C-alpha atoms as a PDB file:
ATOM      1  CA  MET A   1      55.892  22.696   3.609  1.00  0.00           C
ATOM      2  CA  VAL A   2      52.788  20.288   2.283  1.00  0.00           C
ATOM      3  CA  LEU A   3      51.758  18.310   5.484  1.00  0.00           C
ATOM      4  CA  PRO A   4      50.566  14.861   5.129  1.00  0.00           C
ATOM      5  CA  SER A   5      47.047  15.021   6.161  1.00  0.00           C
ATOM      6  CA  ALA A   6      44.358  13.083   4.019  1.00  0.00           C
ATOM      7  CA  ILE A   7      40.946  12.757   3.765  1.00  0.00           C
ATOM      8  CA  LEU A   8      39.301   9.278   6.191  1.00  0.00           C
ATOM      9  CA  LEU A   9      35.866   8.892   4.457  1.00  0.00           C
ATOM     10  CA  PRO A  10      33.653   5.854   6.109  1.00  0.00           C
ATOM     11  CA  LEU A  11      31.686   5.945   3.244  1.00  0.00           C
ATOM     12  CA  TYR A  12      28.493   3.291   4.476  1.00  0.00           C
ATOM     13  CA  LEU A  13      26.237   4.773   1.661  1.00  0.00           C
ATOM     14  CA  TYR A  14      25.034   2.116  -0.349  1.00  0.00           C
ATOM     15  CA  PRO A  15      25.571   3.240  -3.735  1.00  0.00           C
ATOM     16  CA  SER A  16      21.967   2.543  -4.901  1.00  0.00           C
ATOM     17  CA  ALA A  17      22.117   4.747  -7.947  1.00  0.00           C
ATOM     18  CA  PRO A  18      24.737   6.140 -10.014  1.00  0.00           C
ATOM     19  CA  THR A  19      24.203   9.531  -8.648  1.00  0.00           C
ATOM     20  CA  THR A  20      24.474   8.396  -4.997  1.00  0.00           C
ATOM     21  CA  TRP A  21      28.392   8.915  -4.419  1.00  0.00           C
ATOM     22  CA  THR A  22      28.672  12.035  -6.709  1.00  0.00           C
ATOM     23  CA  PRO A  23      29.446  14.376  -4.134  1.00  0.00           C
ATOM     24  CA  LEU A  24      32.845  12.373  -3.389  1.00  0.00           C
ATOM     25  CA  TYR A  25      33.506  11.835  -6.887  1.00  0.00           C
ATOM     26  CA  ASN A  26      33.140  15.968  -7.435  1.00  0.00           C
ATOM     27  CA  SER A  27      35.553  16.519  -4.850  1.00  0.00           C
ATOM     28  CA  LEU A  28      38.031  13.974  -6.020  1.00  0.00           C
ATOM     29  CA  THR A  29      38.136  15.900  -9.196  1.00  0.00           C
ATOM     30  CA  ALA A  30      38.034  19.156  -7.941  1.00  0.00           C
ATOM     31  CA  HIS A  31      41.400  18.143  -5.206  1.00  0.00           C
ATOM     32  CA  PRO A  32      43.217  15.777  -7.566  1.00  0.00           C
ATOM     33  CA  THR A  33      46.172  16.471  -4.911  1.00  0.00           C
ATOM     34  CA  THR A  34      44.449  15.546  -2.058  1.00  0.00           C
ATOM     35  CA  HIS A  35      44.432  12.255  -0.998  1.00  0.00           C
ATOM     36  CA  PHE A  36      41.231  10.239   0.386  1.00  0.00           C
ATOM     37  CA  ASP A  37      41.232   7.024   2.323  1.00  0.00           C
ATOM     38  CA  ILE A  38      37.551   5.627   1.436  1.00  0.00           C
ATOM     39  CA  VAL A  39      36.019   2.904   3.878  1.00  0.00           C
ATOM     40  CA  ILE A  40      33.422   1.027   2.013  1.00  0.00           C
ATOM     41  CA  ASN A  41      31.001  -1.151   4.149  1.00  0.00           C
ATOM     42  CA  PRO A  42      28.729  -3.316   1.842  1.00  0.00           C
ATOM     43  CA  ASP A  43      27.083  -5.484   4.286  1.00  0.00           C
ATOM     44  CA  SER A  44      28.490  -4.758   8.357  1.00  0.00           C
ATOM     45  CA  GLY A  45      31.490  -5.971   6.339  1.00  0.00           C
ATOM     46  CA  PRO A  46      31.779  -7.891   2.953  1.00  0.00           C
ATOM     47  CA  SER A  47      28.678  -9.111   1.463  1.00  0.00           C
ATOM     48  CA  LEU A  48      28.143 -13.044   1.936  1.00  0.00           C
ATOM     49  CA  VAL A  49      27.866 -13.037  -2.040  1.00  0.00           C
ATOM     50  CA  GLY A  50      30.773 -12.477  -4.534  1.00  0.00           C
ATOM     51  CA  PRO A  51      31.408  -9.366  -6.991  1.00  0.00           C
ATOM     52  CA  SER A  52      30.263 -11.675  -9.709  1.00  0.00           C
ATOM     53  CA  ASP A  53      26.602 -12.049  -7.965  1.00  0.00           C
ATOM     54  CA  ASP A  54      23.929  -9.601  -9.296  1.00  0.00           C
ATOM     55  CA  ALA A  55      23.247  -8.449  -5.843  1.00  0.00           C
ATOM     56  CA  LEU A  56      26.638  -6.256  -5.537  1.00  0.00           C
ATOM     57  CA  SER A  57      26.419  -5.158  -9.084  1.00  0.00           C
ATOM     58  CA  ASP A  58      25.590  -1.684  -7.360  1.00  0.00           C
ATOM     59  CA  TYR A  59      29.227  -1.447  -5.476  1.00  0.00           C
ATOM     60  CA  VAL A  60      31.057  -2.974  -8.523  1.00  0.00           C
ATOM     61  CA  ALA A  61      29.955  -0.360 -10.284  1.00  0.00           C
ATOM     62  CA  ALA A  62      30.604   2.531  -8.038  1.00  0.00           C
ATOM     63  CA  VAL A  63      33.778   1.285  -6.631  1.00  0.00           C
ATOM     64  CA  SER A  64      35.357   0.407 -10.324  1.00  0.00           C
ATOM     65  CA  GLN A  65      34.609   4.238 -10.684  1.00  0.00           C
ATOM     66  CA  LEU A  66      36.359   5.259  -7.438  1.00  0.00           C
ATOM     67  CA  ARG A  67      39.357   3.151  -8.957  1.00  0.00           C
ATOM     68  CA  THR A  68      39.618   6.088 -12.059  1.00  0.00           C
ATOM     69  CA  TYR A  69      41.046   8.691  -9.037  1.00  0.00           C
ATOM     70  CA  PRO A  70      44.312   8.128  -8.465  1.00  0.00           C
ATOM     71  CA  ASN A  71      44.200  10.127  -4.881  1.00  0.00           C
ATOM     72  CA  VAL A  72      42.401   7.131  -3.512  1.00  0.00           C
ATOM     73  CA  HIS A  73      42.704   4.431  -1.276  1.00  0.00           C
ATOM     74  CA  ILE A  74      39.695   1.992  -0.818  1.00  0.00           C
ATOM     75  CA  PHE A  75      39.692   0.182   2.515  1.00  0.00           C
ATOM     76  CA  GLY A  76      36.654  -3.020   3.455  1.00  0.00           C
ATOM     77  CA  TYR A  77      34.881  -2.302   6.294  1.00  0.00           C
ATOM     78  CA  VAL A  78      35.147  -5.600   9.126  1.00  0.00           C
ATOM     79  CA  TYR A  79      34.330  -5.787  12.633  1.00  0.00           C
ATOM     80  CA  THR A  80      36.802  -6.859  15.102  1.00  0.00           C
ATOM     81  CA  SER A  81      34.916  -7.421  18.657  1.00  0.00           C
ATOM     82  CA  HIS A  82      37.845  -5.715  19.967  1.00  0.00           C
ATOM     83  CA  GLY A  83      39.798  -8.753  18.911  1.00  0.00           C
ATOM     84  CA  ALA A  84      37.929 -11.040  20.836  1.00  0.00           C
ATOM     85  CA  ALA A  85      38.779 -14.922  20.249  1.00  0.00           C
ATOM     86  CA  SER A  86      35.112 -15.745  19.561  1.00  0.00           C
ATOM     87  CA  LEU A  87      35.167 -13.404  16.467  1.00  0.00           C
ATOM     88  CA  GLN A  88      38.311 -14.531  15.319  1.00  0.00           C
ATOM     89  CA  PRO A  89      37.259 -16.985  12.530  1.00  0.00           C
ATOM     90  CA  ALA A  90      34.591 -14.464  11.120  1.00  0.00           C
ATOM     91  CA  LEU A  91      37.085 -11.829  10.932  1.00  0.00           C
ATOM     92  CA  LEU A  92      39.366 -14.033   9.053  1.00  0.00           C
ATOM     93  CA  SER A  93      36.649 -15.266   6.598  1.00  0.00           C
ATOM     94  CA  ASN A  94      35.653 -11.272   5.886  1.00  0.00           C
ATOM     95  CA  ILE A  95      39.330 -10.867   5.102  1.00  0.00           C
ATOM     96  CA  SER A  96      39.236 -13.686   2.354  1.00  0.00           C
ATOM     97  CA  ARG A  97      36.114 -12.436   1.042  1.00  0.00           C
ATOM     98  CA  TYR A  98      37.429  -8.855   0.661  1.00  0.00           C
ATOM     99  CA  ALA A  99      40.503 -10.540  -0.986  1.00  0.00           C
ATOM    100  CA  THR A 100      38.172 -11.937  -3.780  1.00  0.00           C
ATOM    101  CA  TRP A 101      37.440  -8.082  -4.926  1.00  0.00           C
ATOM    102  CA  ASN A 102      41.192  -7.999  -6.242  1.00  0.00           C
ATOM    103  CA  ALA A 103      40.815 -10.881  -8.440  1.00  0.00           C
ATOM    104  CA  TYR A 104      37.786  -9.861  -9.848  1.00  0.00           C
ATOM    105  CA  THR A 105      38.420  -9.249 -13.769  1.00  0.00           C
ATOM    106  CA  PRO A 106      35.668  -7.690 -15.343  1.00  0.00           C
ATOM    107  CA  SER A 107      35.979  -4.410 -13.395  1.00  0.00           C
ATOM    108  CA  ASN A 108      38.858  -3.300 -11.096  1.00  0.00           C
ATOM    109  CA  ILE A 109      37.211  -3.146  -7.952  1.00  0.00           C
ATOM    110  CA  SER A 110      40.418  -3.779  -6.107  1.00  0.00           C
ATOM    111  CA  LEU A 111      40.739  -2.580  -2.319  1.00  0.00           C
ATOM    112  CA  ASP A 112      43.899  -1.480  -1.283  1.00  0.00           C
ATOM    113  CA  GLY A 113      43.278  -2.503   2.780  1.00  0.00           C
ATOM    114  CA  ILE A 114      41.115  -3.064   5.672  1.00  0.00           C
ATOM    115  CA  PHE A 115      39.361  -0.919   8.282  1.00  0.00           C
ATOM    116  CA  PHE A 116      39.343  -3.006  11.877  1.00  0.00           C
ATOM    117  CA  ASP A 117      36.655  -1.620  13.512  1.00  0.00           C
ATOM    118  CA  GLU A 118      35.992  -1.592  17.179  1.00  0.00           C
ATOM    119  CA  ALA A 119      39.812  -2.657  17.519  1.00  0.00           C
ATOM    120  CA  PRO A 120      41.104  -2.584  21.066  1.00  0.00           C
ATOM    121  CA  SER A 121      42.858   0.382  22.649  1.00  0.00           C
ATOM    122  CA  ALA A 122      44.195  -1.399  26.170  1.00  0.00           C
ATOM    123  CA  TYR A 123      47.107  -3.823  25.520  1.00  0.00           C
ATOM    124  CA  ASP A 124      46.381  -7.688  26.008  1.00  0.00           C
ATOM    125  CA  ALA A 125      49.131  -9.844  24.360  1.00  0.00           C
ATOM    126  CA  ASP A 126      46.372 -12.471  23.432  1.00  0.00           C
ATOM    127  CA  ILE A 127      44.182  -9.915  21.611  1.00  0.00           C
ATOM    128  CA  PHE A 128      47.333  -8.141  19.815  1.00  0.00           C
ATOM    129  CA  THR A 129      48.129 -11.816  18.316  1.00  0.00           C
ATOM    130  CA  ASN A 130      44.922 -11.884  17.173  1.00  0.00           C
ATOM    131  CA  LEU A 131      45.032  -8.774  15.445  1.00  0.00           C
ATOM    132  CA  ALA A 132      48.478  -9.311  14.144  1.00  0.00           C
ATOM    133  CA  THR A 133      47.353 -12.599  12.420  1.00  0.00           C
ATOM    134  CA  ALA A 134      44.610 -10.700  10.734  1.00  0.00           C
ATOM    135  CA  ALA A 135      46.580  -7.955   9.556  1.00  0.00           C
ATOM    136  CA  ALA A 136      49.053 -10.294   8.500  1.00  0.00           C
ATOM    137  CA  LEU A 137      46.113 -12.315   6.303  1.00  0.00           C
ATOM    138  CA  ALA A 138      44.894  -9.128   4.921  1.00  0.00           C
ATOM    139  CA  ARG A 139      48.521  -8.066   3.559  1.00  0.00           C
ATOM    140  CA  SER A 140      49.105 -11.530   2.523  1.00  0.00           C
ATOM    141  CA  SER A 141      46.241 -11.486   0.270  1.00  0.00           C
ATOM    142  CA  GLY A 142      46.917  -8.281  -1.327  1.00  0.00           C
ATOM    143  CA  LEU A 143      45.173  -5.987   1.092  1.00  0.00           C
ATOM    144  CA  ARG A 144      48.247  -4.047   2.115  1.00  0.00           C
ATOM    145  CA  ARG A 145      47.189  -1.194   4.391  1.00  0.00           C
ATOM    146  CA  ALA A 146      45.421  -1.580   7.767  1.00  0.00           C
ATOM    147  CA  ILE A 147      43.668   0.919   9.647  1.00  0.00           C
ATOM    148  CA  PHE A 148      43.016   0.103  13.396  1.00  0.00           C
ATOM    149  CA  ASN A 149      39.415   1.992  14.701  1.00  0.00           C
ATOM    150  CA  PRO A 150      39.707   1.866  18.574  1.00  0.00           C
ATOM    151  CA  GLY A 151      37.932   5.106  18.344  1.00  0.00           C
ATOM    152  CA  ALA A 152      40.239   6.323  21.043  1.00  0.00           C
ATOM    153  CA  VAL A 153      43.985   6.703  22.139  1.00  0.00           C
ATOM    154  CA  ALA A 154      45.261   3.444  21.626  1.00  0.00           C
ATOM    155  CA  ASP A 155      48.345   1.565  23.347  1.00  0.00           C
ATOM    156  CA  THR A 156      51.324   2.339  20.956  1.00  0.00           C
ATOM    157  CA  ARG A 157      51.952  -1.086  20.183  1.00  0.00           C
ATOM    158  CA  TYR A 158      49.164  -1.492  18.092  1.00  0.00           C
ATOM    159  CA  PHE A 159      50.637   1.356  15.676  1.00  0.00           C
ATOM    160  CA  ALA A 160      53.077  -1.523  14.862  1.00  0.00           C
ATOM    161  CA  LEU A 161      50.114  -3.386  13.228  1.00  0.00           C
ATOM    162  CA  ALA A 162      48.404  -0.997  11.589  1.00  0.00           C
ATOM    163  CA  ASP A 163      49.564   2.422   8.918  1.00  0.00           C
ATOM    164  CA  SER A 164      46.837   3.927  10.872  1.00  0.00           C
ATOM    165  CA  VAL A 165      44.896   4.162  14.195  1.00  0.00           C
ATOM    166  CA  VAL A 166      41.995   5.977  14.611  1.00  0.00           C
ATOM    167  CA  VAL A 167      42.687   7.783  18.224  1.00  0.00           C
ATOM    168  CA  PHE A 168      39.232   9.637  18.094  1.00  0.00           C
ATOM    169  CA  GLU A 169      35.948   9.221  17.109  1.00  0.00           C
ATOM    170  CA  GLY A 170      33.108  10.790  18.704  1.00  0.00           C
ATOM    171  CA  ALA A 171      30.670  14.003  18.860  1.00  0.00           C
ATOM    172  CA  TYR A 172      32.030  17.119  18.086  1.00  0.00           C
ATOM    173  CA  ALA A 173      30.664  17.946  21.848  1.00  0.00           C
ATOM    174  CA  ASP A 174      32.948  15.764  23.298  1.00  0.00           C
ATOM    175  CA  PHE A 175      36.080  16.517  21.191  1.00  0.00           C
ATOM    176  CA  ASP A 176      39.013  17.995  23.000  1.00  0.00           C
ATOM    177  CA  ALA A 177      42.120  19.090  20.737  1.00  0.00           C
ATOM    178  CA  SER A 178      44.618  18.972  23.149  1.00  0.00           C
ATOM    179  CA  ALA A 179      44.425  15.158  24.428  1.00  0.00           C
ATOM    180  CA  ILE A 180      45.715  14.682  20.354  1.00  0.00           C
ATOM    181  CA  ALA A 181      48.210  17.364  20.778  1.00  0.00           C
ATOM    182  CA  ALA A 182      49.600  15.565  23.611  1.00  0.00           C
ATOM    183  CA  LEU A 183      50.256  12.741  21.650  1.00  0.00           C
ATOM    184  CA  ALA A 184      53.922  12.261  20.367  1.00  0.00           C
ATOM    185  CA  GLN A 185      54.740  13.820  16.858  1.00  0.00           C
ATOM    186  CA  GLY A 186      55.302  10.391  15.443  1.00  0.00           C
ATOM    187  CA  VAL A 187      52.218   8.754  16.684  1.00  0.00           C
ATOM    188  CA  ARG A 188      50.195  11.530  15.277  1.00  0.00           C
ATOM    189  CA  ALA A 189      51.318  11.190  11.928  1.00  0.00           C
ATOM    190  CA  ASN A 190      49.910   7.602  11.677  1.00  0.00           C
ATOM    191  CA  SER A 191      46.871   8.546  13.451  1.00  0.00           C
ATOM    192  CA  SER A 192      43.245   9.386  12.492  1.00  0.00           C
ATOM    193  CA  VAL A 193      40.530  11.656  13.738  1.00  0.00           C
ATOM    194  CA  VAL A 194      36.966  11.263  13.251  1.00  0.00           C
ATOM    195  CA  VAL A 195      34.326  14.204  14.432  1.00  0.00           C
ATOM    196  CA  TYR A 196      30.387  13.230  13.884  1.00  0.00           C
ATOM    197  CA  ASP A 197      27.796  15.418  14.603  1.00  0.00           C
ATOM    198  CA  TYR A 198      29.702  19.008  13.767  1.00  0.00           C
ATOM    199  CA  THR A 199      27.366  21.741  14.848  1.00  0.00           C
ATOM    200  CA  GLY A 200      29.021  24.556  13.962  1.00  0.00           C
ATOM    201  CA  ALA A 201      29.692  26.905  11.625  1.00  0.00           C
ATOM    202  CA  GLU A 202      31.630  26.777   8.324  1.00  0.00           C
ATOM    203  CA  ALA A 203      34.289  29.270   9.184  1.00  0.00           C
ATOM    204  CA  ASP A 204      34.823  27.244  12.808  1.00  0.00           C
ATOM    205  CA  GLN A 205      34.862  23.935  10.844  1.00  0.00           C
ATOM    206  CA  LYS A 206      37.782  25.570   8.657  1.00  0.00           C
ATOM    207  CA  ALA A 207      39.562  26.298  12.146  1.00  0.00           C
ATOM    208  CA  LEU A 208      39.314  22.901  13.205  1.00  0.00           C
ATOM    209  CA  VAL A 209      40.439  21.442  10.010  1.00  0.00           C
ATOM    210  CA  GLU A 210      43.540  23.537  10.462  1.00  0.00           C
ATOM    211  CA  ARG A 211      44.261  22.968  14.072  1.00  0.00           C
ATOM    212  CA  LEU A 212      43.854  19.232  12.957  1.00  0.00           C
ATOM    213  CA  VAL A 213      46.297  19.438   9.872  1.00  0.00           C
ATOM    214  CA  GLY A 214      48.636  21.328  12.268  1.00  0.00           C
ATOM    215  CA  LEU A 215      48.955  18.870  14.259  1.00  0.00           C
ATOM    216  CA  GLY A 216      50.544  16.419  11.968  1.00  0.00           C
ATOM    217  CA  LEU A 217      47.554  14.019  11.949  1.00  0.00           C
ATOM    218  CA  GLY A 218      47.852  11.153   9.095  1.00  0.00           C
ATOM    219  CA  SER A 219      44.064  11.307   8.275  1.00  0.00           C
ATOM    220  CA  LEU A 220      40.859  13.273   9.279  1.00  0.00           C
ATOM    221  CA  ASP A 221      36.907  13.664   8.885  1.00  0.00           C
ATOM    222  CA  VAL A 222      34.625  16.413  10.322  1.00  0.00           C
ATOM    223  CA  THR A 223      30.526  15.405   9.346  1.00  0.00           C
ATOM    224  CA  THR A 224      27.634  17.276  10.393  1.00  0.00           C
ATOM    225  CA  THR A 225      26.003  14.091  10.721  1.00  0.00           C
ATOM    226  CA  GLY A 226      25.332  11.232  13.446  1.00  0.00           C
ATOM    227  CA  SER A 227      26.021   8.619  10.632  1.00  0.00           C
ATOM    228  CA  TYR A 228      28.003   7.513   8.058  1.00  0.00           C
ATOM    229  CA  SER A 229      25.192   6.616   5.563  1.00  0.00           C
ATOM    230  CA  GLU A 230      24.472  10.407   4.733  1.00  0.00           C
ATOM    231  CA  TRP A 231      26.321  13.235   3.594  1.00  0.00           C
ATOM    232  CA  SER A 232      27.537  15.900   5.588  1.00  0.00           C
ATOM    233  CA  ALA A 233      26.179  19.200   4.883  1.00  0.00           C
ATOM    234  CA  LEU A 234      29.330  20.615   4.702  1.00  0.00           C
ATOM    235  CA  TRP A 235      31.225  18.096   2.679  1.00  0.00           C
ATOM    236  CA  ALA A 236      32.292  20.124  -0.135  1.00  0.00           C
ATOM    237  CA  ALA A 237      33.343  22.574   2.157  1.00  0.00           C
ATOM    238  CA  PHE A 238      35.385  20.354   4.363  1.00  0.00           C
ATOM    239  CA  THR A 239      37.290  18.637   1.625  1.00  0.00           C
ATOM    240  CA  GLN A 240      38.632  22.621   0.353  1.00  0.00           C
ATOM    241  CA  GLN A 241      39.359  23.071   4.019  1.00  0.00           C
ATOM    242  CA  VAL A 242      41.630  20.225   4.151  1.00  0.00           C
ATOM    243  CA  SER A 243      43.153  20.681   0.695  1.00  0.00           C
ATOM    244  CA  SER A 244      43.720  24.242   1.656  1.00  0.00           C
ATOM    245  CA  ALA A 245      45.517  23.873   5.217  1.00  0.00           C
ATOM    246  CA  VAL A 246      47.393  20.654   3.795  1.00  0.00           C
ATOM    247  CA  GLY A 247      48.975  23.117   0.940  1.00  0.00           C
ATOM    248  CA  VAL A 248      47.423  21.293  -2.128  1.00  0.00           C
ATOM    249  CA  GLU A 249      44.341  22.004  -4.216  1.00  0.00           C
END
């Protein structure tokens, strides 16, 4: 049975050279039936300039190359400040900026959705409405997928607004798989886990990946770094481990 788990990659590494994202391109080629959800973050959100500006030429080149792979979804990063009303105008503006990427005709740099960072975990009716408005704007603008990142187990009502919710984002030393296992199976299928500062051996990472995939998570990431602007020392091994655990190559 092929399990649905995908690789979730927060890719905040600026593509300053054509080879900067080569480890990703290599993994996409090596594992063509493994799905990758890739989050790009040009400038703590979209750049203030559009894709036709020379300042974004590196991103245009890198993202257009990503679009040649059929096993990717690309998400634009936005900061939500836990759904605070004061940030709502900026949030909606950033979503609209990303939508211009989908209208750019010289290259295919279209995005599939939005990654809502620092989303809330506790339910609040007003905040829920703010996020519902933001998610609806994204989808109506052609950014049809949404990932919410509270970094912790969230109220299940937020799952109605997003395709996936990051239920853990934290250091390996703080990760407790039993807390994820306690979630209902249907919730786990729409949940993501991001584990950073992984300090174990490659074989132990393999066991961790197999455990997470076996729980039926929607997507996962395990990285040896504490930053999303550098490659994990075990990146290639991680992508192979996920592919093997899911049952595809």
